[in-house]
Amino acid sequence: MADENGREAVEAVKRKMSLKRCEICNEGEAKYRCPRCMKYSCSLVCVKQHKTTYNCNGVREKTAFVSVNQFSDLNLLSDYRFLEDVGRMADRASRDGALHRPTRNKFVNFLRNRAQRYKIRLKTLPVGFTKRQENSTYFSNKEKKFYWHLKLVFPHSHAKFTEKRVPDDKPLCDVLKRYVDPQESDPIICQRLKIYTMSPPSDIQILMKVDMRLHNSSKYEEMDGSKGLQDNLRGKVVIEYPTLHIVLKKFKTDMAVLGYSKNKDAEKPSKDLFRESSSEEEGEIRESS
């Protein structure tokens, strides 16, 4: 019954659309309507143009509020399908082995042990912390490499993105292509990161905050875009997963980069701290074994 009412509602919407004009070119007869911003369009070209112009991703906001007076059979069908999608996603998540990796101390020590072999000082937070819960980093015994959970911060555009399962041997420049390369990036992302896509690759700088410093000031280290995370993270402290800040050299920021100050010795992290941590890690690994 609900499906029949839904089909009738869809046909009614189509009849109404045939009386509308395209809101993008104002020439053709409307054939499509964006589920999110409700703009009318007549062709695929206008659909793409409206996404760029209005910064719209075209995905309907399924949880948007609808008053009782405006609630129709089409809304009922939409809610029904939304619940179906939730059930489908829950079933898919239950089948994903990576999402059900063990969270016991044994697994955490295993990750830290593997990271230590690459001279990466991996620190984990207690269960319940947000970074601990969202971290999807794991080590593949078959391929003998890390697949990192990676967060990218674009401060000049006030944007943040998350990359999951990034191979540790994938160059960072390839990871950033889908964000800063105008040929490969998504139109929505390209529009949001316009200031980056319009800048030459040589002007892009990749920074990572230095964690667990002995000083109270915040310092950043520059990453090599031609190398992967395995080489870039060697000898560094990583709390749960790496967070990279993508900045442009032509803009001044308050980020103090190591190696760009006169007092370089005061800015370097303590080597004794790393040695002390390494001995602690070895003790934890022996206890877990």
Protein backbone atom coordinates (compact mmCIF):
# COMPACT_ATOMS: atom_id res chain seq x y z
CA MET A 1 0.00 0.00 0.00
CA ALA A 2 2.81 2.38 0.91
CA ASP A 3 4.62 1.57 -2.36
CA GLU A 4 1.51 2.34 -4.42
CA ASN A 5 0.98 5.65 -2.65
CA GLY A 6 4.67 6.43 -3.13
CA ARG A 7 4.48 5.80 -6.87
CA GLU A 8 1.44 8.03 -7.16
CA ALA A 9 3.26 10.78 -5.28
CA VAL A 10 6.28 10.45 -7.57
CA GLU A 11 4.08 10.74 -10.65
CA ALA A 12 2.43 13.84 -9.19
CA VAL A 13 5.83 15.40 -8.62
CA LYS A 14 6.82 14.66 -12.23
CA ARG A 15 3.68 16.37 -13.51
CA LYS A 16 4.47 19.44 -11.43
CA MET A 17 8.08 19.46 -12.69
CA SER A 18 6.91 19.50 -16.32
CA LEU A 19 5.45 22.96 -15.65
CA LYS A 20 8.73 24.32 -14.26
CA ARG A 21 11.71 25.81 -16.05
CA CYS A 22 15.35 24.97 -15.41
CA GLU A 23 16.66 27.21 -12.63
CA ILE A 24 20.25 26.97 -13.91
CA CYS A 25 20.03 27.93 -17.57
CA ASN A 26 16.44 29.28 -17.53
CA GLU A 27 15.90 27.81 -20.98
CA GLY A 28 15.02 24.11 -20.92
CA GLU A 29 12.06 22.35 -19.37
CA ALA A 30 12.81 21.00 -15.90
CA LYS A 31 13.45 17.25 -15.83
CA TYR A 32 15.32 16.84 -12.56
CA ARG A 33 15.11 18.23 -9.05
CA CYS A 34 17.95 18.13 -6.57
CA PRO A 35 16.92 16.14 -3.46
CA ARG A 36 18.97 18.41 -1.22
CA CYS A 37 18.54 22.02 -2.36
CA MET A 38 15.35 21.40 -4.42
CA LYS A 39 16.73 23.22 -7.48
CA TYR A 40 15.22 22.35 -10.87
CA SER A 41 17.51 21.40 -13.77
CA CYS A 42 17.07 20.18 -17.34
CA SER A 43 20.26 18.26 -18.18
CA LEU A 44 23.35 16.62 -16.76
CA VAL A 45 25.37 19.75 -17.54
CA CYS A 46 23.01 21.89 -15.46
CA VAL A 47 23.04 19.33 -12.66
CA LYS A 48 26.84 19.49 -12.43
CA GLN A 49 26.83 23.27 -12.71
CA HIS A 50 24.35 23.65 -9.88
CA LYS A 51 26.53 21.46 -7.61
CA THR A 52 29.49 23.74 -8.23
CA THR A 53 27.55 27.00 -8.01
CA TYR A 54 25.61 26.20 -4.85
CA ASN A 55 28.25 23.93 -3.26
CA CYS A 56 25.65 21.15 -3.16
CA ASN A 57 26.50 17.46 -3.05
CA GLY A 58 23.08 16.37 -4.34
CA VAL A 59 22.47 14.02 -1.42
CA ARG A 60 19.13 14.43 0.26
CA GLU A 61 19.20 15.29 3.94
CA LYS A 62 17.31 12.26 5.14
CA THR A 63 16.94 13.45 8.72
CA ALA A 64 15.64 16.93 7.89
CA PHE A 65 12.64 18.06 9.91
CA VAL A 66 9.24 17.82 8.20
CA SER A 67 6.17 19.23 9.92
CA VAL A 68 3.03 17.12 10.28
CA ASN A 69 1.12 19.41 7.93
CA GLN A 70 3.68 18.87 5.17
CA PHE A 71 4.21 15.16 5.79
CA SER A 72 3.11 13.18 2.72
CA ASP A 73 3.20 9.63 1.42
CA LEU A 74 6.45 10.49 -0.31
CA ASN A 75 8.01 11.39 3.04
CA LEU A 76 6.71 8.15 4.50
CA LEU A 77 8.30 6.17 1.69
CA SER A 78 11.52 8.12 2.13
CA ASP A 79 11.66 7.29 5.85
CA TYR A 80 10.96 3.64 5.10
CA ARG A 81 13.83 3.47 2.62
CA PHE A 82 16.07 5.32 5.07
CA LEU A 83 15.46 2.60 7.65
CA GLU A 84 16.25 0.00 5.00
CA ASP A 85 19.55 1.75 4.26
CA VAL A 86 20.41 1.80 7.97
CA GLY A 87 19.75 -1.93 8.21
CA ARG A 88 21.84 -2.57 5.10
CA MET A 89 24.76 -0.54 6.44
CA ALA A 90 24.59 -2.29 9.82
CA ASP A 91 24.69 -5.68 8.08
CA ARG A 92 27.64 -4.60 5.93
CA ALA A 93 29.50 -3.31 8.98
CA SER A 94 28.96 -6.62 10.76
CA ARG A 95 30.69 -8.38 7.85
CA ASP A 96 33.70 -6.04 7.76
CA GLY A 97 36.55 -7.70 9.58
CA ALA A 98 38.60 -4.53 9.91
CA LEU A 99 35.85 -2.88 11.95
CA HIS A 100 35.80 -5.79 14.38
CA ARG A 101 39.48 -6.00 15.12
CA PRO A 102 40.20 -6.77 18.78
CA THR A 103 40.59 -3.76 21.06
CA ARG A 104 42.35 -5.63 23.86
CA ASN A 105 45.77 -4.65 25.14
CA LYS A 106 47.23 -7.53 23.14
CA PHE A 107 46.21 -5.92 19.85
CA VAL A 108 47.35 -2.46 20.97
CA ASN A 109 50.74 -3.84 22.00
CA PHE A 110 50.98 -5.63 18.66
CA LEU A 111 50.48 -2.35 16.78
CA ARG A 112 52.98 -0.53 18.95
CA ASN A 113 55.48 -3.36 18.53
CA ARG A 114 55.20 -3.24 14.73
CA ALA A 115 55.44 0.56 14.76
CA GLN A 116 58.56 0.37 16.91
CA ARG A 117 60.21 -1.86 14.31
CA TYR A 118 59.82 1.04 11.87
CA LYS A 119 61.13 3.41 14.58
CA ILE A 120 57.71 5.03 14.94
CA ARG A 121 56.70 5.91 18.49
CA LEU A 122 53.00 5.04 18.45
CA LYS A 123 50.99 6.10 21.50
CA THR A 124 47.42 4.97 22.12
CA LEU A 125 44.69 6.54 24.23
CA PRO A 126 42.41 4.74 26.70
CA VAL A 127 39.22 3.16 25.43
CA GLY A 128 36.45 5.76 25.29
CA PHE A 129 38.49 8.58 23.78
CA THR A 130 37.23 9.82 20.43
CA LYS A 131 40.54 9.31 18.64
CA ARG A 132 40.73 5.74 19.96
CA GLN A 133 37.21 4.96 18.76
CA GLU A 134 37.59 6.43 15.27
CA ASN A 135 41.09 5.07 14.65
CA SER A 136 40.99 2.42 11.89
CA THR A 137 44.76 1.84 11.64
CA TYR A 138 45.83 -1.78 11.32
CA PHE A 139 48.88 -3.80 10.29
CA SER A 140 48.67 -6.39 7.52
CA ASN A 141 50.75 -9.45 8.39
CA LYS A 142 50.41 -10.70 4.83
CA GLU A 143 51.74 -7.52 3.19
CA LYS A 144 53.96 -6.52 6.12
CA LYS A 145 52.85 -2.91 6.15
CA PHE A 146 50.59 -0.46 7.97
CA TYR A 147 47.28 0.85 6.67
CA TRP A 148 46.90 4.17 8.45
CA HIS A 149 43.92 6.19 9.53
CA LEU A 150 44.87 9.67 8.32
CA LYS A 151 43.31 13.07 9.00
CA LEU A 152 43.96 15.97 6.62
CA VAL A 153 43.48 19.57 7.75
CA PHE A 154 43.30 22.43 5.25
CA PRO A 155 43.46 25.55 7.47
CA HIS A 156 43.17 28.10 4.64
CA SER A 157 39.82 26.61 3.61
CA HIS A 158 38.70 25.64 7.15
CA ALA A 159 38.20 22.06 5.95
CA LYS A 160 39.01 18.65 7.39
CA PHE A 161 38.94 15.27 5.66
CA THR A 162 39.63 11.71 6.76
CA GLU A 163 41.39 9.03 4.74
CA LYS A 164 41.11 5.42 5.86
CA ARG A 165 43.43 2.51 5.10
CA VAL A 166 46.24 4.56 3.58
CA PRO A 167 49.18 2.24 2.74
CA ASP A 168 52.35 3.32 4.50
CA ASP A 169 54.29 3.20 1.21
CA LYS A 170 51.92 5.45 -0.74
CA PRO A 171 53.53 8.86 -1.41
CA LEU A 172 51.76 11.72 0.32
CA CYS A 173 51.57 13.64 -2.95
CA ASP A 174 49.40 10.83 -4.35
CA VAL A 175 47.21 10.90 -1.24
CA LEU A 176 46.62 14.64 -1.74
CA LYS A 177 45.84 14.40 -5.46
CA ARG A 178 42.13 13.85 -4.89
CA TYR A 179 42.07 17.09 -2.91
CA VAL A 180 44.48 19.55 -4.54
CA ASP A 181 44.71 18.29 -8.12
CA PRO A 182 41.99 20.07 -10.19
CA GLN A 183 41.98 17.20 -12.69
CA GLU A 184 41.42 14.38 -10.18
CA SER A 185 39.54 16.02 -7.32
CA ASP A 186 35.79 15.85 -6.86
CA PRO A 187 33.99 19.03 -8.05
CA ILE A 188 32.60 19.69 -4.58
CA ILE A 189 35.99 19.23 -2.92
CA CYS A 190 37.67 21.22 -5.68
CA GLN A 191 35.32 24.14 -5.09
CA ARG A 192 35.79 24.03 -1.33
CA LEU A 193 39.59 23.82 -1.64
CA LYS A 194 39.75 26.28 -4.52
CA ILE A 195 42.61 28.22 -2.97
CA TYR A 196 44.68 25.00 -2.97
CA THR A 197 43.75 23.74 -6.43
CA MET A 198 44.68 27.10 -7.94
CA SER A 199 48.12 27.06 -6.31
CA PRO A 200 51.16 25.33 -7.88
CA PRO A 201 52.22 22.03 -6.26
CA SER A 202 55.53 23.60 -5.23
CA ASP A 203 53.64 26.05 -2.98
CA ILE A 204 51.96 23.26 -0.98
CA GLN A 205 53.58 22.35 2.32
CA ILE A 206 52.70 19.29 4.43
CA LEU A 207 53.15 19.71 8.19
CA MET A 208 52.60 17.48 11.20
CA LYS A 209 52.42 18.70 14.77
CA VAL A 210 55.19 17.55 17.10
CA ASP A 211 53.49 15.78 20.00
CA MET A 212 54.79 15.28 23.55
CA ARG A 213 57.26 18.16 23.38
CA LEU A 214 59.22 19.21 26.45
CA HIS A 215 58.30 22.83 25.78
CA ASN A 216 54.83 24.34 25.97
CA SER A 217 55.00 25.86 22.49
CA SER A 218 53.48 24.09 19.48
CA LYS A 219 55.89 23.10 16.75
CA TYR A 220 55.41 21.41 13.39
CA GLU A 221 57.62 19.26 11.21
CA GLU A 222 57.57 19.33 7.43
CA MET A 223 56.76 16.05 5.67
CA ASP A 224 58.27 14.88 2.37
CA GLY A 225 55.48 14.61 -0.21
CA SER A 226 57.48 12.19 -2.36
CA LYS A 227 57.66 9.63 0.47
CA GLY A 228 55.03 7.56 2.26
CA LEU A 229 53.97 7.60 5.89
CA GLN A 230 56.47 4.90 6.83
CA ASP A 231 59.44 7.10 5.93
CA ASN A 232 57.86 10.36 7.11
CA LEU A 233 56.85 9.02 10.53
CA ARG A 234 60.19 7.39 11.30
CA GLY A 235 61.56 8.79 14.56
CA LYS A 236 58.37 10.72 15.32
CA VAL A 237 55.63 10.51 17.93
CA VAL A 238 52.15 9.53 16.68
CA ILE A 239 49.16 9.64 19.01
CA GLU A 240 46.67 7.08 17.61
CA TYR A 241 47.00 8.27 13.99
CA PRO A 242 48.80 11.04 12.07
CA THR A 243 47.14 14.39 11.42
CA LEU A 244 48.62 16.37 8.54
CA HIS A 245 48.16 20.11 8.06
CA ILE A 246 48.24 21.22 4.42
CA VAL A 247 49.35 24.85 4.17
CA LEU A 248 50.45 27.22 1.41
CA LYS A 249 53.87 28.81 1.65
CA LYS A 250 52.65 32.14 0.26
CA PHE A 251 50.38 32.65 3.29
CA LYS A 252 51.74 33.41 6.72
CA THR A 253 50.52 31.17 9.52
CA ASP A 254 51.18 30.93 13.24
CA MET A 255 52.61 27.43 12.76
CA ALA A 256 56.25 27.35 13.84
CA VAL A 257 58.08 24.82 11.66
CA LEU A 258 61.15 23.01 12.98
CA GLY A 259 64.28 23.92 11.05
CA TYR A 260 63.02 27.40 10.14
CA SER A 261 64.09 29.00 13.42
CA LYS A 262 67.53 30.18 14.44
CA ASN A 263 67.51 28.23 17.68
CA LYS A 264 67.23 24.77 16.17
CA ASP A 265 68.54 22.89 19.19
CA ALA A 266 65.75 24.22 21.41
CA GLU A 267 63.13 23.12 18.92
CA LYS A 268 64.21 19.52 18.47
CA PRO A 269 62.35 16.89 20.51
CA SER A 270 64.35 15.17 23.19
CA LYS A 271 66.17 12.04 22.01
CA ASP A 272 66.34 10.75 25.59
CA LEU A 273 62.55 10.86 25.71
CA PHE A 274 62.41 8.58 22.68
CA ARG A 275 64.94 6.15 24.16
CA GLU A 276 63.05 6.07 27.45
CA SER A 277 59.81 5.39 25.62
CA SER A 278 61.44 2.61 23.61
CA SER A 279 62.51 0.81 26.79
CA GLU A 280 58.98 1.16 28.17
CA GLU A 281 57.51 -0.26 24.96
CA GLU A 282 59.86 -3.24 25.11
CA GLY A 283 58.78 -3.96 28.67
CA GLU A 284 55.10 -3.83 27.71
CA ILE A 285 55.69 -6.17 24.76
CA ARG A 286 57.47 -8.72 26.99
CA GLU A 287 54.60 -8.61 29.48
CA SER A 288 51.99 -9.10 26.76
CA SER A 289 53.89 -12.07 25.29
